[in-house]
N, C-alpha and C. Protein backbone atom coordinates (compact mmCIF):
# COMPACT_ATOMS: atom_id res chain seq x y z
N MET A 1 4.89 1.10 15.85
CA MET A 1 4.50 0.01 15.00
C MET A 1 3.09 0.24 14.47
N LEU A 2 2.88 -0.18 13.26
CA LEU A 2 1.61 0.03 12.58
C LEU A 2 0.45 -0.67 13.29
N VAL A 3 0.69 -1.87 13.80
CA VAL A 3 -0.37 -2.61 14.49
C VAL A 3 -0.84 -1.83 15.72
N ASP A 4 0.07 -1.15 16.40
CA ASP A 4 -0.30 -0.34 17.56
C ASP A 4 -1.15 0.86 17.15
N THR A 5 -0.82 1.45 16.01
CA THR A 5 -1.60 2.59 15.50
C THR A 5 -3.02 2.15 15.17
N ILE A 6 -3.14 1.01 14.52
CA ILE A 6 -4.47 0.49 14.17
C ILE A 6 -5.27 0.22 15.45
N LYS A 7 -4.63 -0.39 16.41
CA LYS A 7 -5.29 -0.71 17.69
C LYS A 7 -5.76 0.57 18.39
N LYS A 8 -4.88 1.58 18.42
CA LYS A 8 -5.21 2.85 19.07
C LYS A 8 -6.37 3.54 18.35
N ASP A 9 -6.31 3.58 17.03
CA ASP A 9 -7.37 4.21 16.25
C ASP A 9 -8.71 3.48 16.42
N ARG A 10 -8.65 2.17 16.54
CA ARG A 10 -9.85 1.36 16.76
C ARG A 10 -10.50 1.72 18.09
N ILE A 11 -9.69 1.84 19.12
CA ILE A 11 -10.20 2.20 20.45
C ILE A 11 -10.80 3.60 20.43
N GLU A 12 -10.12 4.53 19.75
CA GLU A 12 -10.63 5.90 19.66
C GLU A 12 -11.98 5.94 18.93
N ALA A 13 -12.10 5.15 17.87
CA ALA A 13 -13.37 5.09 17.13
C ALA A 13 -14.48 4.52 18.00
N MET A 14 -14.14 3.53 18.82
CA MET A 14 -15.13 2.93 19.72
C MET A 14 -15.58 3.96 20.76
N LYS A 15 -14.61 4.70 21.31
CA LYS A 15 -14.94 5.72 22.32
C LYS A 15 -15.80 6.83 21.71
N ALA A 16 -15.53 7.16 20.44
CA ALA A 16 -16.28 8.21 19.75
C ALA A 16 -17.63 7.70 19.24
N LYS A 17 -17.89 6.42 19.48
CA LYS A 17 -19.13 5.77 19.04
C LYS A 17 -19.30 5.82 17.52
N ASP A 18 -18.17 5.79 16.82
CA ASP A 18 -18.17 5.71 15.36
C ASP A 18 -18.23 4.23 15.00
N ILE A 19 -19.44 3.72 14.93
CA ILE A 19 -19.66 2.28 14.76
C ILE A 19 -19.06 1.76 13.46
N PHE A 20 -19.22 2.53 12.39
CA PHE A 20 -18.72 2.06 11.10
C PHE A 20 -17.19 1.96 11.12
N LYS A 21 -16.53 3.03 11.54
CA LYS A 21 -15.06 3.04 11.56
C LYS A 21 -14.52 1.99 12.53
N SER A 22 -15.12 1.87 13.69
CA SER A 22 -14.64 0.88 14.64
C SER A 22 -14.84 -0.53 14.09
N GLY A 23 -15.91 -0.74 13.35
CA GLY A 23 -16.13 -2.05 12.73
C GLY A 23 -15.09 -2.37 11.68
N VAL A 24 -14.77 -1.38 10.85
CA VAL A 24 -13.75 -1.57 9.82
C VAL A 24 -12.41 -1.86 10.46
N LEU A 25 -12.05 -1.08 11.48
CA LEU A 25 -10.75 -1.27 12.12
C LEU A 25 -10.71 -2.57 12.93
N THR A 26 -11.84 -3.01 13.46
CA THR A 26 -11.89 -4.30 14.15
C THR A 26 -11.61 -5.42 13.16
N THR A 27 -12.21 -5.32 11.98
CA THR A 27 -11.97 -6.33 10.94
C THR A 27 -10.50 -6.33 10.53
N LEU A 28 -9.95 -5.14 10.30
CA LEU A 28 -8.54 -5.03 9.92
C LEU A 28 -7.64 -5.57 11.03
N PHE A 29 -7.93 -5.20 12.26
CA PHE A 29 -7.13 -5.67 13.39
C PHE A 29 -7.20 -7.19 13.50
N SER A 30 -8.36 -7.75 13.25
CA SER A 30 -8.51 -9.21 13.29
C SER A 30 -7.65 -9.87 12.21
N GLU A 31 -7.60 -9.27 11.03
CA GLU A 31 -6.75 -9.80 9.96
C GLU A 31 -5.28 -9.75 10.37
N VAL A 32 -4.87 -8.66 11.00
CA VAL A 32 -3.48 -8.53 11.46
C VAL A 32 -3.20 -9.54 12.56
N GLN A 33 -4.19 -9.78 13.42
CA GLN A 33 -4.02 -10.73 14.52
C GLN A 33 -3.74 -12.15 14.01
N ARG A 34 -4.15 -12.44 12.78
CA ARG A 34 -3.89 -13.76 12.22
C ARG A 34 -2.41 -14.00 11.97
N LEU A 35 -1.65 -12.92 11.88
CA LEU A 35 -0.20 -13.07 11.76
C LEU A 35 0.35 -13.60 13.07
N GLU A 36 1.46 -14.28 13.00
CA GLU A 36 2.11 -14.71 14.24
C GLU A 36 2.54 -13.47 15.02
N LYS A 37 2.67 -13.60 16.32
CA LYS A 37 3.03 -12.45 17.17
C LYS A 37 4.29 -11.76 16.67
N VAL A 38 5.27 -12.52 16.21
CA VAL A 38 6.52 -11.94 15.73
C VAL A 38 6.26 -11.07 14.50
N ASP A 39 5.42 -11.57 13.57
CA ASP A 39 5.14 -10.85 12.34
C ASP A 39 4.32 -9.59 12.57
N GLN A 40 3.52 -9.55 13.65
CA GLN A 40 2.71 -8.37 13.93
C GLN A 40 3.59 -7.16 14.22
N LYS A 41 4.82 -7.41 14.60
CA LYS A 41 5.74 -6.31 14.89
C LYS A 41 6.48 -5.86 13.64
N ASP A 42 6.30 -6.58 12.54
CA ASP A 42 6.95 -6.26 11.27
C ASP A 42 5.96 -5.44 10.44
N ASP A 43 6.21 -4.13 10.33
CA ASP A 43 5.30 -3.26 9.61
C ASP A 43 5.11 -3.69 8.16
N GLN A 44 6.12 -4.29 7.55
CA GLN A 44 5.99 -4.75 6.17
C GLN A 44 4.93 -5.85 6.07
N LYS A 45 4.92 -6.76 7.02
CA LYS A 45 3.93 -7.84 7.04
C LYS A 45 2.52 -7.27 7.27
N VAL A 46 2.44 -6.29 8.16
CA VAL A 46 1.14 -5.66 8.43
C VAL A 46 0.67 -4.92 7.18
N LEU A 47 1.59 -4.24 6.48
CA LEU A 47 1.23 -3.54 5.24
C LEU A 47 0.73 -4.52 4.18
N GLU A 48 1.31 -5.72 4.13
CA GLU A 48 0.83 -6.73 3.19
C GLU A 48 -0.63 -7.08 3.48
N VAL A 49 -0.98 -7.20 4.76
CA VAL A 49 -2.36 -7.50 5.15
C VAL A 49 -3.27 -6.35 4.73
N ILE A 50 -2.83 -5.12 4.96
CA ILE A 50 -3.63 -3.95 4.61
C ILE A 50 -3.81 -3.86 3.10
N ARG A 51 -2.73 -4.12 2.35
CA ARG A 51 -2.83 -4.08 0.88
C ARG A 51 -3.81 -5.14 0.37
N LYS A 52 -3.77 -6.32 0.96
CA LYS A 52 -4.68 -7.40 0.56
C LYS A 52 -6.12 -7.00 0.86
N TYR A 53 -6.36 -6.44 2.02
CA TYR A 53 -7.69 -5.97 2.41
C TYR A 53 -8.15 -4.90 1.43
N ASN A 54 -7.27 -3.95 1.12
CA ASN A 54 -7.59 -2.86 0.21
C ASN A 54 -7.90 -3.39 -1.19
N LYS A 55 -7.15 -4.40 -1.63
CA LYS A 55 -7.40 -5.00 -2.93
C LYS A 55 -8.79 -5.61 -2.97
N GLY A 56 -9.17 -6.28 -1.90
CA GLY A 56 -10.52 -6.85 -1.81
C GLY A 56 -11.59 -5.78 -1.89
N LEU A 57 -11.33 -4.64 -1.25
CA LEU A 57 -12.29 -3.53 -1.32
C LEU A 57 -12.39 -3.00 -2.75
N ASN A 58 -11.25 -2.89 -3.44
CA ASN A 58 -11.27 -2.43 -4.84
C ASN A 58 -12.13 -3.35 -5.70
N GLU A 59 -12.00 -4.65 -5.48
CA GLU A 59 -12.80 -5.61 -6.24
C GLU A 59 -14.29 -5.47 -5.90
N MET A 60 -14.58 -5.23 -4.63
CA MET A 60 -15.98 -5.05 -4.22
C MET A 60 -16.57 -3.79 -4.82
N ILE A 61 -15.76 -2.73 -4.94
CA ILE A 61 -16.23 -1.48 -5.52
C ILE A 61 -16.66 -1.70 -6.96
N VAL A 62 -15.86 -2.42 -7.71
CA VAL A 62 -16.19 -2.70 -9.11
C VAL A 62 -17.50 -3.47 -9.22
N ILE A 63 -17.70 -4.41 -8.32
CA ILE A 63 -18.90 -5.26 -8.37
C ILE A 63 -20.15 -4.51 -7.91
N THR A 64 -20.05 -3.72 -6.85
CA THR A 64 -21.24 -3.15 -6.23
C THR A 64 -21.59 -1.74 -6.68
N LEU A 65 -20.63 -0.94 -7.13
CA LEU A 65 -20.99 0.42 -7.54
C LEU A 65 -21.85 0.36 -8.77
N PRO A 66 -22.79 1.20 -8.96
CA PRO A 66 -23.15 2.32 -8.11
C PRO A 66 -24.22 2.00 -7.07
N ARG A 67 -24.60 0.74 -6.94
CA ARG A 67 -25.71 0.39 -6.05
C ARG A 67 -25.42 0.74 -4.59
N GLU A 68 -24.61 -0.07 -3.91
CA GLU A 68 -24.40 0.16 -2.48
C GLU A 68 -22.93 0.39 -2.16
N GLY A 69 -22.24 1.03 -3.07
CA GLY A 69 -20.80 1.18 -2.94
C GLY A 69 -20.33 2.28 -2.01
N ASP A 70 -21.23 3.14 -1.55
CA ASP A 70 -20.80 4.26 -0.72
C ASP A 70 -20.09 3.80 0.56
N ASP A 71 -20.63 2.79 1.23
CA ASP A 71 -20.00 2.29 2.44
C ASP A 71 -18.61 1.72 2.14
N ILE A 72 -18.49 1.06 1.01
CA ILE A 72 -17.20 0.49 0.63
C ILE A 72 -16.18 1.59 0.38
N LEU A 73 -16.62 2.69 -0.23
CA LEU A 73 -15.70 3.81 -0.46
C LEU A 73 -15.22 4.42 0.85
N VAL A 74 -16.12 4.53 1.81
CA VAL A 74 -15.73 5.04 3.13
C VAL A 74 -14.76 4.07 3.79
N GLU A 75 -15.07 2.78 3.70
CA GLU A 75 -14.19 1.76 4.27
C GLU A 75 -12.80 1.83 3.61
N LYS A 76 -12.76 2.02 2.30
CA LYS A 76 -11.50 2.12 1.57
C LYS A 76 -10.70 3.33 2.05
N ASP A 77 -11.38 4.45 2.29
CA ASP A 77 -10.68 5.64 2.80
C ASP A 77 -10.06 5.37 4.17
N ILE A 78 -10.78 4.66 5.01
CA ILE A 78 -10.26 4.35 6.35
C ILE A 78 -9.01 3.48 6.23
N ILE A 79 -9.08 2.43 5.42
CA ILE A 79 -7.97 1.49 5.26
C ILE A 79 -6.78 2.17 4.57
N SER A 80 -7.05 2.98 3.56
CA SER A 80 -5.98 3.63 2.79
C SER A 80 -5.12 4.54 3.65
N ALA A 81 -5.67 5.01 4.75
CA ALA A 81 -4.90 5.90 5.63
C ALA A 81 -3.67 5.21 6.22
N TYR A 82 -3.67 3.88 6.24
CA TYR A 82 -2.54 3.14 6.81
C TYR A 82 -1.51 2.72 5.75
N LEU A 83 -1.81 2.98 4.49
CA LEU A 83 -0.88 2.63 3.41
C LEU A 83 0.06 3.79 3.13
N PRO A 84 1.27 3.49 2.65
CA PRO A 84 2.19 4.58 2.31
C PRO A 84 1.63 5.43 1.17
N THR A 85 1.97 6.69 1.17
CA THR A 85 1.55 7.60 0.12
C THR A 85 2.19 7.17 -1.20
N GLN A 86 1.38 7.10 -2.24
CA GLN A 86 1.87 6.69 -3.55
C GLN A 86 2.60 7.85 -4.22
N LEU A 87 3.68 7.51 -4.93
CA LEU A 87 4.42 8.50 -5.69
C LEU A 87 3.58 8.93 -6.89
N SER A 88 3.63 10.21 -7.22
CA SER A 88 2.96 10.66 -8.43
C SER A 88 3.75 10.16 -9.64
N GLY A 89 3.19 10.27 -10.81
CA GLY A 89 3.88 9.85 -12.03
C GLY A 89 5.21 10.58 -12.20
N GLU A 90 5.20 11.88 -11.96
CA GLU A 90 6.42 12.68 -12.09
C GLU A 90 7.47 12.27 -11.05
N GLU A 91 7.01 12.03 -9.82
CA GLU A 91 7.94 11.62 -8.76
C GLU A 91 8.57 10.27 -9.08
N LEU A 92 7.77 9.35 -9.62
CA LEU A 92 8.27 8.03 -9.98
C LEU A 92 9.27 8.15 -11.13
N ASP A 93 8.94 8.94 -12.15
CA ASP A 93 9.87 9.18 -13.26
C ASP A 93 11.21 9.70 -12.75
N LEU A 94 11.14 10.70 -11.89
CA LEU A 94 12.36 11.31 -11.35
C LEU A 94 13.15 10.32 -10.50
N ALA A 95 12.47 9.58 -9.65
CA ALA A 95 13.15 8.60 -8.79
C ALA A 95 13.87 7.55 -9.62
N ILE A 96 13.21 7.05 -10.66
CA ILE A 96 13.82 6.03 -11.51
C ILE A 96 15.01 6.60 -12.27
N ALA A 97 14.86 7.81 -12.80
CA ALA A 97 15.97 8.45 -13.52
C ALA A 97 17.18 8.63 -12.60
N GLU A 98 16.93 9.03 -11.36
CA GLU A 98 18.02 9.21 -10.39
C GLU A 98 18.69 7.87 -10.06
N ILE A 99 17.90 6.84 -9.91
CA ILE A 99 18.45 5.51 -9.61
C ILE A 99 19.30 5.03 -10.78
N ILE A 100 18.81 5.20 -11.98
CA ILE A 100 19.56 4.78 -13.17
C ILE A 100 20.90 5.51 -13.23
N ALA A 101 20.88 6.81 -12.98
CA ALA A 101 22.13 7.58 -12.99
C ALA A 101 23.05 7.15 -11.85
N GLU A 102 22.47 6.92 -10.68
CA GLU A 102 23.24 6.56 -9.49
C GLU A 102 23.98 5.23 -9.66
N ILE A 103 23.29 4.23 -10.22
CA ILE A 103 23.92 2.91 -10.33
C ILE A 103 24.60 2.71 -11.68
N GLY A 104 24.44 3.68 -12.59
CA GLY A 104 25.08 3.59 -13.89
C GLY A 104 24.44 2.57 -14.81
N ALA A 105 23.13 2.39 -14.70
CA ALA A 105 22.42 1.44 -15.56
C ALA A 105 22.44 1.94 -17.00
N GLU A 106 22.70 1.01 -17.93
CA GLU A 106 22.83 1.42 -19.33
C GLU A 106 21.95 0.63 -20.28
N SER A 107 21.52 -0.56 -19.89
CA SER A 107 20.73 -1.38 -20.80
C SER A 107 19.68 -2.16 -20.02
N MET A 108 18.86 -2.89 -20.78
CA MET A 108 17.81 -3.69 -20.15
C MET A 108 18.38 -4.77 -19.22
N LYS A 109 19.64 -5.10 -19.39
CA LYS A 109 20.28 -6.08 -18.50
C LYS A 109 20.34 -5.55 -17.07
N ASP A 110 20.28 -4.23 -16.93
CA ASP A 110 20.37 -3.60 -15.61
C ASP A 110 19.00 -3.36 -14.97
N MET A 111 17.93 -3.78 -15.64
CA MET A 111 16.57 -3.52 -15.15
C MET A 111 16.37 -4.09 -13.74
N GLY A 112 16.83 -5.30 -13.51
CA GLY A 112 16.69 -5.92 -12.19
C GLY A 112 17.37 -5.12 -11.09
N LYS A 113 18.54 -4.57 -11.42
CA LYS A 113 19.26 -3.75 -10.43
C LYS A 113 18.47 -2.49 -10.10
N VAL A 114 17.91 -1.88 -11.14
CA VAL A 114 17.12 -0.66 -10.93
C VAL A 114 15.88 -0.97 -10.09
N MET A 115 15.19 -2.05 -10.43
CA MET A 115 13.98 -2.44 -9.68
C MET A 115 14.32 -2.75 -8.22
N LYS A 116 15.47 -3.37 -7.99
CA LYS A 116 15.87 -3.71 -6.62
C LYS A 116 16.06 -2.44 -5.79
N VAL A 117 16.79 -1.47 -6.34
CA VAL A 117 17.02 -0.22 -5.61
C VAL A 117 15.70 0.53 -5.42
N LEU A 118 14.85 0.53 -6.45
CA LEU A 118 13.55 1.19 -6.34
C LEU A 118 12.72 0.58 -5.22
N LYS A 119 12.70 -0.75 -5.15
CA LYS A 119 11.94 -1.44 -4.10
C LYS A 119 12.51 -1.14 -2.71
N GLU A 120 13.84 -1.13 -2.60
CA GLU A 120 14.46 -0.85 -1.31
C GLU A 120 14.15 0.57 -0.84
N THR A 121 14.06 1.49 -1.79
CA THR A 121 13.88 2.90 -1.45
C THR A 121 12.42 3.31 -1.31
N PHE A 122 11.56 2.77 -2.18
CA PHE A 122 10.17 3.22 -2.24
C PHE A 122 9.17 2.08 -2.18
N ASP A 123 9.44 1.05 -1.42
CA ASP A 123 8.58 -0.12 -1.35
C ASP A 123 7.14 0.26 -1.01
N GLY A 124 6.22 -0.21 -1.82
CA GLY A 124 4.81 0.03 -1.58
C GLY A 124 4.30 1.39 -2.00
N GLN A 125 5.16 2.20 -2.62
CA GLN A 125 4.76 3.56 -2.98
C GLN A 125 4.57 3.74 -4.48
N TYR A 126 4.57 2.64 -5.24
CA TYR A 126 4.44 2.75 -6.68
C TYR A 126 3.81 1.48 -7.22
N ASP A 127 3.30 1.58 -8.44
CA ASP A 127 2.75 0.42 -9.14
C ASP A 127 3.89 -0.21 -9.93
N GLY A 128 4.17 -1.48 -9.69
CA GLY A 128 5.29 -2.16 -10.32
C GLY A 128 5.21 -2.19 -11.84
N LYS A 129 4.01 -2.32 -12.39
CA LYS A 129 3.86 -2.34 -13.85
C LYS A 129 4.23 -0.99 -14.45
N ILE A 130 3.81 0.07 -13.81
CA ILE A 130 4.13 1.41 -14.31
C ILE A 130 5.63 1.65 -14.21
N ALA A 131 6.22 1.28 -13.07
CA ALA A 131 7.66 1.46 -12.88
C ALA A 131 8.43 0.67 -13.93
N SER A 132 8.01 -0.54 -14.20
CA SER A 132 8.68 -1.38 -15.19
C SER A 132 8.64 -0.73 -16.57
N GLY A 133 7.50 -0.15 -16.92
CA GLY A 133 7.37 0.53 -18.20
C GLY A 133 8.29 1.73 -18.32
N ILE A 134 8.39 2.50 -17.24
CA ILE A 134 9.26 3.67 -17.23
C ILE A 134 10.72 3.24 -17.39
N ILE A 135 11.11 2.20 -16.67
CA ILE A 135 12.48 1.72 -16.74
C ILE A 135 12.79 1.24 -18.15
N ARG A 136 11.86 0.50 -18.76
CA ARG A 136 12.06 0.02 -20.14
C ARG A 136 12.30 1.20 -21.09
N ASN A 137 11.47 2.24 -20.95
CA ASN A 137 11.62 3.40 -21.82
C ASN A 137 12.96 4.10 -21.63
N LEU A 138 13.42 4.19 -20.39
CA LEU A 138 14.66 4.91 -20.11
C LEU A 138 15.91 4.10 -20.45
N LEU A 139 15.79 2.77 -20.46
CA LEU A 139 16.97 1.94 -20.73
C LEU A 139 17.07 1.46 -22.17
N GLN A 140 16.15 1.85 -23.03
CA GLN A 140 16.21 1.40 -24.42
C GLN A 140 17.35 2.05 -25.17
């Protein structure tokens, strides 16, 4: 479970006396702890917390760079390690084309079906706006 990985990494950072990393992971772990005990075992719920935290860091980067943004960039790298790897543009194009062929999508009426299969297969690994644009282009 993802929450166990975060907890383990937090302890390792504390033992290594990596104050910055242990602080970041303590904050992240505290955010996950706010979930009910049942939800903490659901990696999807934990990923939602991590994505929200990461989004906040992205907003902070825009506001603070170039002044004091270096710490935020390091913090973002630590947090990003727990998120799924994002598909490249080519991988996303190929995945969508395969899904369209697999389900026999022919028009924009099938866009919802394509998005559903894409989400089931690659949840959290793509930007929804980009995927939507690709699907629109392929189904026109």
